[in-house]
Amino acid sequence: MLKLLIVDDEPTIRRGIRESIDWASRGVVIVGEADNGEKALELVRALSPDIVLVDIVMPRLDGLAFCDRCRSEHPGIHLIIVSGYDDFALAQKAIRIGVDDYLLKPVGAEQMMAAVEKAGRSLMLGEFSGIKARLLLSLGGPEGNASGRRILALVLDYIESRYLSEPDLGSAGKAAGVTPNHLCKVLRASFDMTFVEIVNLYRIEVAKIHLRDPNLKLYDVADKSGFLDYHYFAKVFKKVTGRTPGEYRDSPGAAGTAAEDNHGHDMIT
C-alpha cells in the first residue's frame, strides 16, 4: 500500500480528500493529516509517507517552505501541491524545489487519483531500479572480495535485463567475463549461492514490489516477476520471505528488502 499524508489547514478540504476516493481499493492508505507545515514535517519524519498532498497557504510553515525542507530531508518522497492559486511564479518555484505535481483547486477526485497513481508508478520504477543495489548490499560477501562483488554486480545487470525470460548460466558468465564453471565457483565461494538461487532472489524482489498493487492477482504477480509456474513461485517466495505471497501482501508495511528476509543459504531452486 502507498502511504499518503494530507496537509491542508482547512478541515473540509482534508475531509473531502479523505472521503471522495476509495483509497484502499486503489492501493493507498492515508497515514495522517496535518493543518500546518511544521506538524506535517514531524509526521513525515515519524510516518515515512510515500506521497504528500500539500496546500501552499498554511500557518507556521507554508506549503512551499515545507516542500523545500521535506525534499532536502527526504528526497524519495513524492510531493503534490494542491493550490487555490493559479500563479505561474508559484508553480515555477515549486518546480525548482522539486515538487512532482501541481494541481489547482477545485480538484476532482479523478484528477487527484491520477496524480497519486502517477506518483505511485514513479515510485515503483525507482524501486525496480534499486533492486540490484539492495541485493549487492544484502548479499555482501567478504570485505576483501572485490572481485566476487564485481562479478556479482555484472551478473545482476544481466539478470535485470533477462529475468522475465530465462536467464542462463552461460550467458551470465559471458556478461561477467568469466566461464560458466568459474562463475559457479565464485558465487558459491563468495556468497554461498547458486546462479539459479540468485535469479530467484532477484525475481522475489520484483514480486514484492508488484504485490503492492491490489489490482494484480497473485498469479499475475508471479508472471510479472518471471515465474512461469505459480506454485513454484509461491514455494520460493515462502522460503525466501517466510510468508506466502498473500500473507506478505496483507502484512502492514510490506516493503521488506532482501536484507530483511530470512532467505539464508537454503533457498529452493
C-alpha atoms as a PDB file:
ATOM      1  CA  MET A   1       0.000   0.000   0.000  1.00  0.00           C
ATOM      2  CA  LEU A   2       1.202   3.504  -0.840  1.00  0.00           C
ATOM      3  CA  LYS A   3       1.281   5.712   2.255  1.00  0.00           C
ATOM      4  CA  LEU A   4      -0.360   9.120   1.779  1.00  0.00           C
ATOM      5  CA  LEU A   5      -0.148  12.194   4.031  1.00  0.00           C
ATOM      6  CA  ILE A   6      -2.697  15.025   3.633  1.00  0.00           C
ATOM      7  CA  VAL A   7      -1.576  18.549   4.544  1.00  0.00           C
ATOM      8  CA  ASP A   8      -4.125  21.398   4.439  1.00  0.00           C
ATOM      9  CA  ASP A   9      -5.232  23.932   7.038  1.00  0.00           C
ATOM     10  CA  GLU A  10      -8.915  23.589   6.061  1.00  0.00           C
ATOM     11  CA  PRO A  11     -10.666  20.618   7.737  1.00  0.00           C
ATOM     12  CA  THR A  12     -13.326  20.473   4.995  1.00  0.00           C
ATOM     13  CA  ILE A  13     -10.645  20.117   2.318  1.00  0.00           C
ATOM     14  CA  ARG A  14      -8.903  17.354   4.231  1.00  0.00           C
ATOM     15  CA  ARG A  15     -12.196  15.552   4.747  1.00  0.00           C
ATOM     16  CA  GLY A  16     -13.065  15.918   1.061  1.00  0.00           C
ATOM     17  CA  ILE A  17      -9.748  14.396   0.021  1.00  0.00           C
ATOM     18  CA  ARG A  18     -10.142  11.605   2.545  1.00  0.00           C
ATOM     19  CA  GLU A  19     -13.757  10.730   1.697  1.00  0.00           C
ATOM     20  CA  SER A  20     -14.108  11.453  -2.026  1.00  0.00           C
ATOM     21  CA  ILE A  21     -11.999   8.476  -3.077  1.00  0.00           C
ATOM     22  CA  ASP A  22     -11.987   4.835  -2.032  1.00  0.00           C
ATOM     23  CA  TRP A  23      -8.257   4.984  -1.384  1.00  0.00           C
ATOM     24  CA  ALA A  24      -7.875   1.432  -0.092  1.00  0.00           C
ATOM     25  CA  SER A  25      -9.248  -0.064  -3.303  1.00  0.00           C
ATOM     26  CA  ARG A  26      -6.586   1.865  -5.217  1.00  0.00           C
ATOM     27  CA  GLY A  27      -3.750   0.589  -3.078  1.00  0.00           C
ATOM     28  CA  VAL A  28      -3.387   3.728  -0.932  1.00  0.00           C
ATOM     29  CA  VAL A  29      -3.624   4.185   2.837  1.00  0.00           C
ATOM     30  CA  ILE A  30      -3.919   7.635   4.432  1.00  0.00           C
ATOM     31  CA  VAL A  31      -1.409   7.537   7.279  1.00  0.00           C
ATOM     32  CA  GLY A  32      -2.015  11.005   8.697  1.00  0.00           C
ATOM     33  CA  GLU A  33      -3.212  14.591   8.334  1.00  0.00           C
ATOM     34  CA  ALA A  34      -1.710  17.936   9.265  1.00  0.00           C
ATOM     35  CA  ASP A  35      -3.023  21.509   9.278  1.00  0.00           C
ATOM     36  CA  ASN A  36       0.348  23.251   9.029  1.00  0.00           C
ATOM     37  CA  GLY A  37       3.785  22.670   7.559  1.00  0.00           C
ATOM     38  CA  GLU A  38       5.605  22.221  10.868  1.00  0.00           C
ATOM     39  CA  LYS A  39       3.282  19.454  12.016  1.00  0.00           C
ATOM     40  CA  ALA A  40       3.469  17.901   8.547  1.00  0.00           C
ATOM     41  CA  LEU A  41       7.256  17.783   8.746  1.00  0.00           C
ATOM     42  CA  GLU A  42       7.031  15.994  12.101  1.00  0.00           C
ATOM     43  CA  LEU A  43       4.602  13.459  10.618  1.00  0.00           C
ATOM     44  CA  VAL A  44       6.841  12.868   7.619  1.00  0.00           C
ATOM     45  CA  ARG A  45       9.705  12.030   9.967  1.00  0.00           C
ATOM     46  CA  ALA A  46       7.507   9.742  12.073  1.00  0.00           C
ATOM     47  CA  LEU A  47       5.398   8.036   9.388  1.00  0.00           C
ATOM     48  CA  SER A  48       7.627   7.999   6.276  1.00  0.00           C
ATOM     49  CA  PRO A  49       4.813   8.536   3.754  1.00  0.00           C
ATOM     50  CA  ASP A  50       5.405   7.801   0.083  1.00  0.00           C
ATOM     51  CA  ILE A  51       3.313  10.733  -1.150  1.00  0.00           C
ATOM     52  CA  VAL A  52       2.286  14.058   0.398  1.00  0.00           C
ATOM     53  CA  LEU A  53      -0.678  16.131  -0.811  1.00  0.00           C
ATOM     54  CA  VAL A  54       0.024  19.655   0.413  1.00  0.00           C
ATOM     55  CA  ASP A  55      -1.637  23.092   0.230  1.00  0.00           C
ATOM     56  CA  ILE A  56       0.503  26.194  -0.303  1.00  0.00           C
ATOM     57  CA  VAL A  57      -1.037  28.740   2.079  1.00  0.00           C
ATOM     58  CA  MET A  58      -0.807  27.430   5.650  1.00  0.00           C
ATOM     59  CA  PRO A  59       0.183  28.840   9.047  1.00  0.00           C
ATOM     60  CA  ARG A  60       3.588  28.390  10.739  1.00  0.00           C
ATOM     61  CA  LEU A  61       5.264  26.846   7.683  1.00  0.00           C
ATOM     62  CA  ASP A  62       3.721  27.315   4.239  1.00  0.00           C
ATOM     63  CA  GLY A  63       3.497  24.601   1.612  1.00  0.00           C
ATOM     64  CA  LEU A  64       6.472  25.660  -0.475  1.00  0.00           C
ATOM     65  CA  ALA A  65       8.736  26.011   2.569  1.00  0.00           C
ATOM     66  CA  PHE A  66       7.536  22.616   3.781  1.00  0.00           C
ATOM     67  CA  CYS A  67       8.248  21.054   0.365  1.00  0.00           C
ATOM     68  CA  ASP A  68      11.717  22.601   0.294  1.00  0.00           C
ATOM     69  CA  ARG A  69      12.634  21.171   3.704  1.00  0.00           C
ATOM     70  CA  CYS A  70      10.921  17.869   3.001  1.00  0.00           C
ATOM     71  CA  ARG A  71      12.766  17.432  -0.307  1.00  0.00           C
ATOM     72  CA  SER A  72      16.059  18.170   1.450  1.00  0.00           C
ATOM     73  CA  GLU A  73      15.459  15.696   4.291  1.00  0.00           C
ATOM     74  CA  HIS A  74      13.506  13.025   2.397  1.00  0.00           C
ATOM     75  CA  PRO A  75      14.434  13.120  -1.311  1.00  0.00           C
ATOM     76  CA  GLY A  76      12.455   9.983  -2.152  1.00  0.00           C
ATOM     77  CA  ILE A  77       9.041  11.350  -1.143  1.00  0.00           C
ATOM     78  CA  HIS A  78       6.667  12.467  -3.894  1.00  0.00           C
ATOM     79  CA  LEU A  79       5.204  15.913  -3.299  1.00  0.00           C
ATOM     80  CA  ILE A  80       1.921  17.000  -4.890  1.00  0.00           C
ATOM     81  CA  ILE A  81       0.801  20.590  -4.325  1.00  0.00           C
ATOM     82  CA  VAL A  82      -2.947  21.238  -4.288  1.00  0.00           C
ATOM     83  CA  SER A  83      -3.278  25.016  -4.575  1.00  0.00           C
ATOM     84  CA  GLY A  84      -6.014  27.585  -4.965  1.00  0.00           C
ATOM     85  CA  TYR A  85      -3.560  29.961  -6.665  1.00  0.00           C
ATOM     86  CA  ASP A  86      -3.151  29.877 -10.440  1.00  0.00           C
ATOM     87  CA  ASP A  87       0.159  31.670 -10.186  1.00  0.00           C
ATOM     88  CA  PHE A  88       2.889  30.898 -12.709  1.00  0.00           C
ATOM     89  CA  ALA A  89       5.633  32.198 -10.416  1.00  0.00           C
ATOM     90  CA  LEU A  90       4.479  29.886  -7.616  1.00  0.00           C
ATOM     91  CA  ALA A  91       4.381  26.937  -9.997  1.00  0.00           C
ATOM     92  CA  GLN A  92       7.897  27.759 -11.211  1.00  0.00           C
ATOM     93  CA  LYS A  93       9.175  27.926  -7.642  1.00  0.00           C
ATOM     94  CA  ALA A  94       7.517  24.596  -6.853  1.00  0.00           C
ATOM     95  CA  ILE A  95       9.266  23.012  -9.846  1.00  0.00           C
ATOM     96  CA  ARG A  96      12.640  24.395  -8.740  1.00  0.00           C
ATOM     97  CA  ILE A  97      12.087  22.925  -5.268  1.00  0.00           C
ATOM     98  CA  GLY A  98      11.372  19.533  -6.792  1.00  0.00           C
ATOM     99  CA  VAL A  99       7.591  19.230  -6.411  1.00  0.00           C
ATOM    100  CA  ASP A 100       6.318  16.349  -8.552  1.00  0.00           C
ATOM    101  CA  ASP A 101       2.883  17.718  -9.458  1.00  0.00           C
ATOM    102  CA  TYR A 102       0.885  20.958  -9.123  1.00  0.00           C
ATOM    103  CA  LEU A 103      -2.922  20.711  -9.015  1.00  0.00           C
ATOM    104  CA  LEU A 104      -5.306  23.672  -8.961  1.00  0.00           C
ATOM    105  CA  LYS A 105      -8.349  23.741  -6.699  1.00  0.00           C
ATOM    106  CA  PRO A 106     -11.058  22.698  -7.098  1.00  0.00           C
ATOM    107  CA  VAL A 107      -9.581  19.295  -7.860  1.00  0.00           C
ATOM    108  CA  GLY A 108     -11.825  16.463  -8.979  1.00  0.00           C
ATOM    109  CA  ALA A 109     -11.449  13.015  -7.485  1.00  0.00           C
ATOM    110  CA  GLU A 110     -10.308  11.525 -10.819  1.00  0.00           C
ATOM    111  CA  GLN A 111      -7.662  14.214 -11.328  1.00  0.00           C
ATOM    112  CA  MET A 112      -6.334  13.749  -7.814  1.00  0.00           C
ATOM    113  CA  MET A 113      -6.287   9.963  -8.102  1.00  0.00           C
ATOM    114  CA  ALA A 114      -4.485  10.226 -11.443  1.00  0.00           C
ATOM    115  CA  ALA A 115      -1.755  12.358  -9.837  1.00  0.00           C
ATOM    116  CA  VAL A 116      -1.372   9.941  -6.928  1.00  0.00           C
ATOM    117  CA  GLU A 117      -1.270   6.924  -9.243  1.00  0.00           C
ATOM    118  CA  LYS A 118       1.350   8.632 -11.423  1.00  0.00           C
ATOM    119  CA  ALA A 119       3.461   9.224  -8.320  1.00  0.00           C
ATOM    120  CA  GLY A 120       2.969   5.589  -7.335  1.00  0.00           C
ATOM    121  CA  ARG A 121       4.161   4.372 -10.732  1.00  0.00           C
ATOM    122  CA  SER A 122       7.223   6.575 -10.477  1.00  0.00           C
ATOM    123  CA  LEU A 123       7.984   5.212  -7.007  1.00  0.00           C
ATOM    124  CA  MET A 124       7.693   1.653  -8.278  1.00  0.00           C
ATOM    125  CA  LEU A 125      10.066   2.353 -11.162  1.00  0.00           C
ATOM    126  CA  GLY A 126      12.539   3.770  -8.680  1.00  0.00           C
ATOM    127  CA  GLU A 127      12.242   0.666  -6.544  1.00  0.00           C
ATOM    128  CA  PHE A 128      12.756  -1.649  -9.511  1.00  0.00           C
ATOM    129  CA  SER A 129      15.923   0.238 -10.417  1.00  0.00           C
ATOM    130  CA  GLY A 130      17.136  -0.148  -6.826  1.00  0.00           C
ATOM    131  CA  ILE A 131      16.850  -3.937  -6.659  1.00  0.00           C
ATOM    132  CA  LYS A 132      20.419  -4.518  -7.798  1.00  0.00           C
ATOM    133  CA  ALA A 133      21.859  -2.160  -5.165  1.00  0.00           C
ATOM    134  CA  ARG A 134      19.757  -3.731  -2.402  1.00  0.00           C
ATOM    135  CA  LEU A 135      20.871  -7.239  -3.327  1.00  0.00           C
ATOM    136  CA  LEU A 136      24.515  -6.227  -3.525  1.00  0.00           C
ATOM    137  CA  LEU A 137      24.205  -4.701  -0.077  1.00  0.00           C
ATOM    138  CA  SER A 138      22.350  -7.632   1.468  1.00  0.00           C
ATOM    139  CA  LEU A 139      24.444 -10.408  -0.054  1.00  0.00           C
ATOM    140  CA  GLY A 140      27.638  -8.591   0.826  1.00  0.00           C
ATOM    141  CA  GLY A 141      30.382 -11.142   0.643  1.00  0.00           C
ATOM    142  CA  PRO A 142      33.820 -10.983   2.279  1.00  0.00           C
ATOM    143  CA  GLU A 143      35.074  -7.411   2.644  1.00  0.00           C
ATOM    144  CA  GLY A 144      38.239  -8.162   0.761  1.00  0.00           C
ATOM    145  CA  ASN A 145      36.497  -9.985  -2.086  1.00  0.00           C
ATOM    146  CA  ALA A 146      36.202  -7.073  -4.513  1.00  0.00           C
ATOM    147  CA  SER A 147      36.451  -9.465  -7.478  1.00  0.00           C
ATOM    148  CA  GLY A 148      33.482 -11.503  -6.275  1.00  0.00           C
ATOM    149  CA  ARG A 149      31.344  -8.402  -5.767  1.00  0.00           C
ATOM    150  CA  ARG A 150      32.292  -7.086  -9.191  1.00  0.00           C
ATOM    151  CA  ILE A 151      31.255 -10.365 -10.813  1.00  0.00           C
ATOM    152  CA  LEU A 152      28.010 -10.397  -8.818  1.00  0.00           C
ATOM    153  CA  ALA A 153      27.227  -6.847  -9.953  1.00  0.00           C
ATOM    154  CA  LEU A 154      27.694  -7.850 -13.599  1.00  0.00           C
ATOM    155  CA  VAL A 155      25.565 -10.961 -13.103  1.00  0.00           C
ATOM    156  CA  LEU A 156      22.801  -8.854 -11.551  1.00  0.00           C
ATOM    157  CA  ASP A 157      22.979  -6.477 -14.523  1.00  0.00           C
ATOM    158  CA  TYR A 158      22.421  -9.475 -16.770  1.00  0.00           C
ATOM    159  CA  ILE A 159      19.559 -10.828 -14.631  1.00  0.00           C
ATOM    160  CA  GLU A 160      17.934  -7.381 -14.582  1.00  0.00           C
ATOM    161  CA  SER A 161      17.658  -7.478 -18.369  1.00  0.00           C
ATOM    162  CA  ARG A 162      16.561 -11.112 -18.591  1.00  0.00           C
ATOM    163  CA  TYR A 163      14.529 -12.062 -15.500  1.00  0.00           C
ATOM    164  CA  LEU A 164      11.264 -12.104 -17.471  1.00  0.00           C
ATOM    165  CA  SER A 165      12.662 -14.590 -19.962  1.00  0.00           C
ATOM    166  CA  GLU A 166      15.021 -17.365 -18.935  1.00  0.00           C
ATOM    167  CA  PRO A 167      18.463 -16.269 -17.738  1.00  0.00           C
ATOM    168  CA  ASP A 168      21.045 -18.953 -18.367  1.00  0.00           C
ATOM    169  CA  LEU A 169      24.387 -19.618 -16.738  1.00  0.00           C
ATOM    170  CA  GLY A 170      26.398 -19.483 -19.962  1.00  0.00           C
ATOM    171  CA  SER A 171      25.115 -16.044 -20.946  1.00  0.00           C
ATOM    172  CA  ALA A 172      25.549 -14.777 -17.384  1.00  0.00           C
ATOM    173  CA  GLY A 173      29.174 -15.937 -17.376  1.00  0.00           C
ATOM    174  CA  LYS A 174      29.771 -14.217 -20.698  1.00  0.00           C
ATOM    175  CA  ALA A 175      28.259 -10.990 -19.341  1.00  0.00           C
ATOM    176  CA  ALA A 176      30.558 -11.205 -16.313  1.00  0.00           C
ATOM    177  CA  GLY A 177      33.616 -12.038 -18.421  1.00  0.00           C
ATOM    178  CA  VAL A 178      34.175 -15.491 -16.913  1.00  0.00           C
ATOM    179  CA  THR A 179      33.452 -19.106 -17.829  1.00  0.00           C
ATOM    180  CA  PRO A 180      30.239 -20.697 -16.511  1.00  0.00           C
ATOM    181  CA  ASN A 181      32.296 -23.032 -14.324  1.00  0.00           C
ATOM    182  CA  HIS A 182      34.275 -20.161 -12.810  1.00  0.00           C
ATOM    183  CA  LEU A 183      31.064 -18.193 -12.233  1.00  0.00           C
ATOM    184  CA  CYS A 184      29.571 -21.095 -10.277  1.00  0.00           C
ATOM    185  CA  LYS A 185      32.701 -21.305  -8.137  1.00  0.00           C
ATOM    186  CA  VAL A 186      32.713 -17.553  -7.408  1.00  0.00           C
ATOM    187  CA  LEU A 187      29.043 -17.454  -6.461  1.00  0.00           C
ATOM    188  CA  ARG A 188      29.414 -20.458  -4.185  1.00  0.00           C
ATOM    189  CA  ALA A 189      32.689 -19.367  -2.583  1.00  0.00           C
ATOM    190  CA  SER A 190      31.811 -15.691  -2.132  1.00  0.00           C
ATOM    191  CA  PHE A 191      28.059 -15.808  -1.492  1.00  0.00           C
ATOM    192  CA  ASP A 192      27.233 -19.473  -0.820  1.00  0.00           C
ATOM    193  CA  MET A 193      24.572 -19.337  -3.530  1.00  0.00           C
ATOM    194  CA  THR A 194      23.968 -20.832  -6.962  1.00  0.00           C
ATOM    195  CA  PHE A 195      23.142 -18.859 -10.079  1.00  0.00           C
ATOM    196  CA  VAL A 196      19.527 -20.092 -10.014  1.00  0.00           C
ATOM    197  CA  GLU A 197      19.167 -19.009  -6.385  1.00  0.00           C
ATOM    198  CA  ILE A 198      20.334 -15.500  -7.246  1.00  0.00           C
ATOM    199  CA  VAL A 199      17.917 -15.335 -10.189  1.00  0.00           C
ATOM    200  CA  ASN A 200      15.080 -16.393  -7.882  1.00  0.00           C
ATOM    201  CA  LEU A 201      16.131 -13.880  -5.239  1.00  0.00           C
ATOM    202  CA  TYR A 202      16.016 -11.094  -7.832  1.00  0.00           C
ATOM    203  CA  ARG A 203      12.593 -12.232  -9.026  1.00  0.00           C
ATOM    204  CA  ILE A 204      11.250 -12.285  -5.468  1.00  0.00           C
ATOM    205  CA  GLU A 205      12.383  -8.670  -5.015  1.00  0.00           C
ATOM    206  CA  VAL A 206      10.423  -7.800  -8.155  1.00  0.00           C
ATOM    207  CA  ALA A 207       7.410  -9.726  -6.843  1.00  0.00           C
ATOM    208  CA  LYS A 208       7.424  -7.843  -3.529  1.00  0.00           C
ATOM    209  CA  ILE A 209       7.021  -4.571  -5.416  1.00  0.00           C
ATOM    210  CA  HIS A 210       4.217  -5.927  -7.617  1.00  0.00           C
ATOM    211  CA  LEU A 211       2.403  -7.262  -4.544  1.00  0.00           C
ATOM    212  CA  ARG A 212       1.699  -3.675  -3.501  1.00  0.00           C
ATOM    213  CA  ASP A 213      -0.701  -3.357  -6.420  1.00  0.00           C
ATOM    214  CA  PRO A 214      -4.045  -4.632  -5.076  1.00  0.00           C
ATOM    215  CA  ASN A 215      -5.421  -4.907  -8.615  1.00  0.00           C
ATOM    216  CA  LEU A 216      -2.941  -7.639  -9.533  1.00  0.00           C
ATOM    217  CA  LYS A 217      -3.915 -11.253  -8.913  1.00  0.00           C
ATOM    218  CA  LEU A 218      -1.243 -13.354  -7.258  1.00  0.00           C
ATOM    219  CA  TYR A 219      -0.692 -15.409 -10.414  1.00  0.00           C
ATOM    220  CA  ASP A 220      -0.249 -12.123 -12.338  1.00  0.00           C
ATOM    221  CA  VAL A 221       2.438 -11.124  -9.828  1.00  0.00           C
ATOM    222  CA  ALA A 222       4.192 -14.429 -10.452  1.00  0.00           C
ATOM    223  CA  ASP A 223       4.069 -13.894 -14.214  1.00  0.00           C
ATOM    224  CA  LYS A 224       5.316 -10.285 -13.992  1.00  0.00           C
ATOM    225  CA  SER A 225       8.200 -11.469 -11.821  1.00  0.00           C
ATOM    226  CA  GLY A 226       9.425 -14.084 -14.285  1.00  0.00           C
ATOM    227  CA  PHE A 227       7.911 -17.222 -12.714  1.00  0.00           C
ATOM    228  CA  LEU A 228       6.064 -19.375 -15.241  1.00  0.00           C
ATOM    229  CA  ASP A 229       4.517 -21.615 -12.574  1.00  0.00           C
ATOM    230  CA  TYR A 230       2.530 -20.044  -9.730  1.00  0.00           C
ATOM    231  CA  HIS A 231       3.012 -22.956  -7.322  1.00  0.00           C
ATOM    232  CA  TYR A 232       6.775 -22.816  -7.769  1.00  0.00           C
ATOM    233  CA  PHE A 233       6.655 -19.049  -7.256  1.00  0.00           C
ATOM    234  CA  ALA A 234       4.660 -19.450  -4.030  1.00  0.00           C
ATOM    235  CA  LYS A 235       7.078 -22.113  -2.772  1.00  0.00           C
ATOM    236  CA  VAL A 236      10.153 -19.975  -3.448  1.00  0.00           C
ATOM    237  CA  PHE A 237       8.501 -16.853  -2.045  1.00  0.00           C
ATOM    238  CA  LYS A 238       7.669 -18.620   1.224  1.00  0.00           C
ATOM    239  CA  LYS A 239      11.222 -19.956   1.507  1.00  0.00           C
ATOM    240  CA  VAL A 240      12.775 -16.526   0.880  1.00  0.00           C
ATOM    241  CA  THR A 241      10.463 -14.327   2.969  1.00  0.00           C
ATOM    242  CA  GLY A 242       8.955 -16.734   5.496  1.00  0.00           C
ATOM    243  CA  ARG A 243       5.462 -15.797   4.275  1.00  0.00           C
ATOM    244  CA  THR A 244       3.186 -16.753   1.409  1.00  0.00           C
ATOM    245  CA  PRO A 245       2.612 -14.082  -1.258  1.00  0.00           C
ATOM    246  CA  GLY A 246      -0.874 -13.465   0.153  1.00  0.00           C
ATOM    247  CA  GLU A 247       0.399 -13.127   3.719  1.00  0.00           C
ATOM    248  CA  TYR A 248       3.107 -10.746   2.554  1.00  0.00           C
ATOM    249  CA  ARG A 249       0.580  -8.587   0.694  1.00  0.00           C
ATOM    250  CA  ASP A 250      -1.682  -8.398   3.753  1.00  0.00           C
ATOM    251  CA  SER A 251       1.117  -7.559   6.187  1.00  0.00           C
ATOM    252  CA  PRO A 252       1.497  -3.916   7.287  1.00  0.00           C
ATOM    253  CA  GLY A 253       4.308  -2.068   5.530  1.00  0.00           C
ATOM    254  CA  ALA A 254       5.006  -4.922   3.123  1.00  0.00           C
ATOM    255  CA  ALA A 255       8.159  -3.324   1.784  1.00  0.00           C
ATOM    256  CA  GLY A 256      10.894  -5.625   3.046  1.00  0.00           C
ATOM    257  CA  THR A 257      14.191  -5.925   1.284  1.00  0.00           C
ATOM    258  CA  ALA A 258      16.374  -8.934   0.746  1.00  0.00           C
ATOM    259  CA  ALA A 259      18.363  -7.881   3.788  1.00  0.00           C
ATOM    260  CA  GLU A 260      15.267  -8.165   5.948  1.00  0.00           C
ATOM    261  CA  ASP A 261      14.122 -11.550   4.693  1.00  0.00           C
ATOM    262  CA  ASN A 262      15.323 -14.846   6.039  1.00  0.00           C
ATOM    263  CA  HIS A 263      16.472 -16.298   2.720  1.00  0.00           C
ATOM    264  CA  GLY A 264      19.666 -17.636   4.297  1.00  0.00           C
ATOM    265  CA  HIS A 265      21.571 -20.147   2.203  1.00  0.00           C
ATOM    266  CA  ASP A 266      18.949 -22.843   1.759  1.00  0.00           C
ATOM    267  CA  MET A 267      16.833 -21.259  -0.936  1.00  0.00           C
ATOM    268  CA  ILE A 268      14.655 -23.521  -3.038  1.00  0.00           C
ATOM    269  CA  THR A 269      15.825 -23.759  -6.618  1.00  0.00           C
END
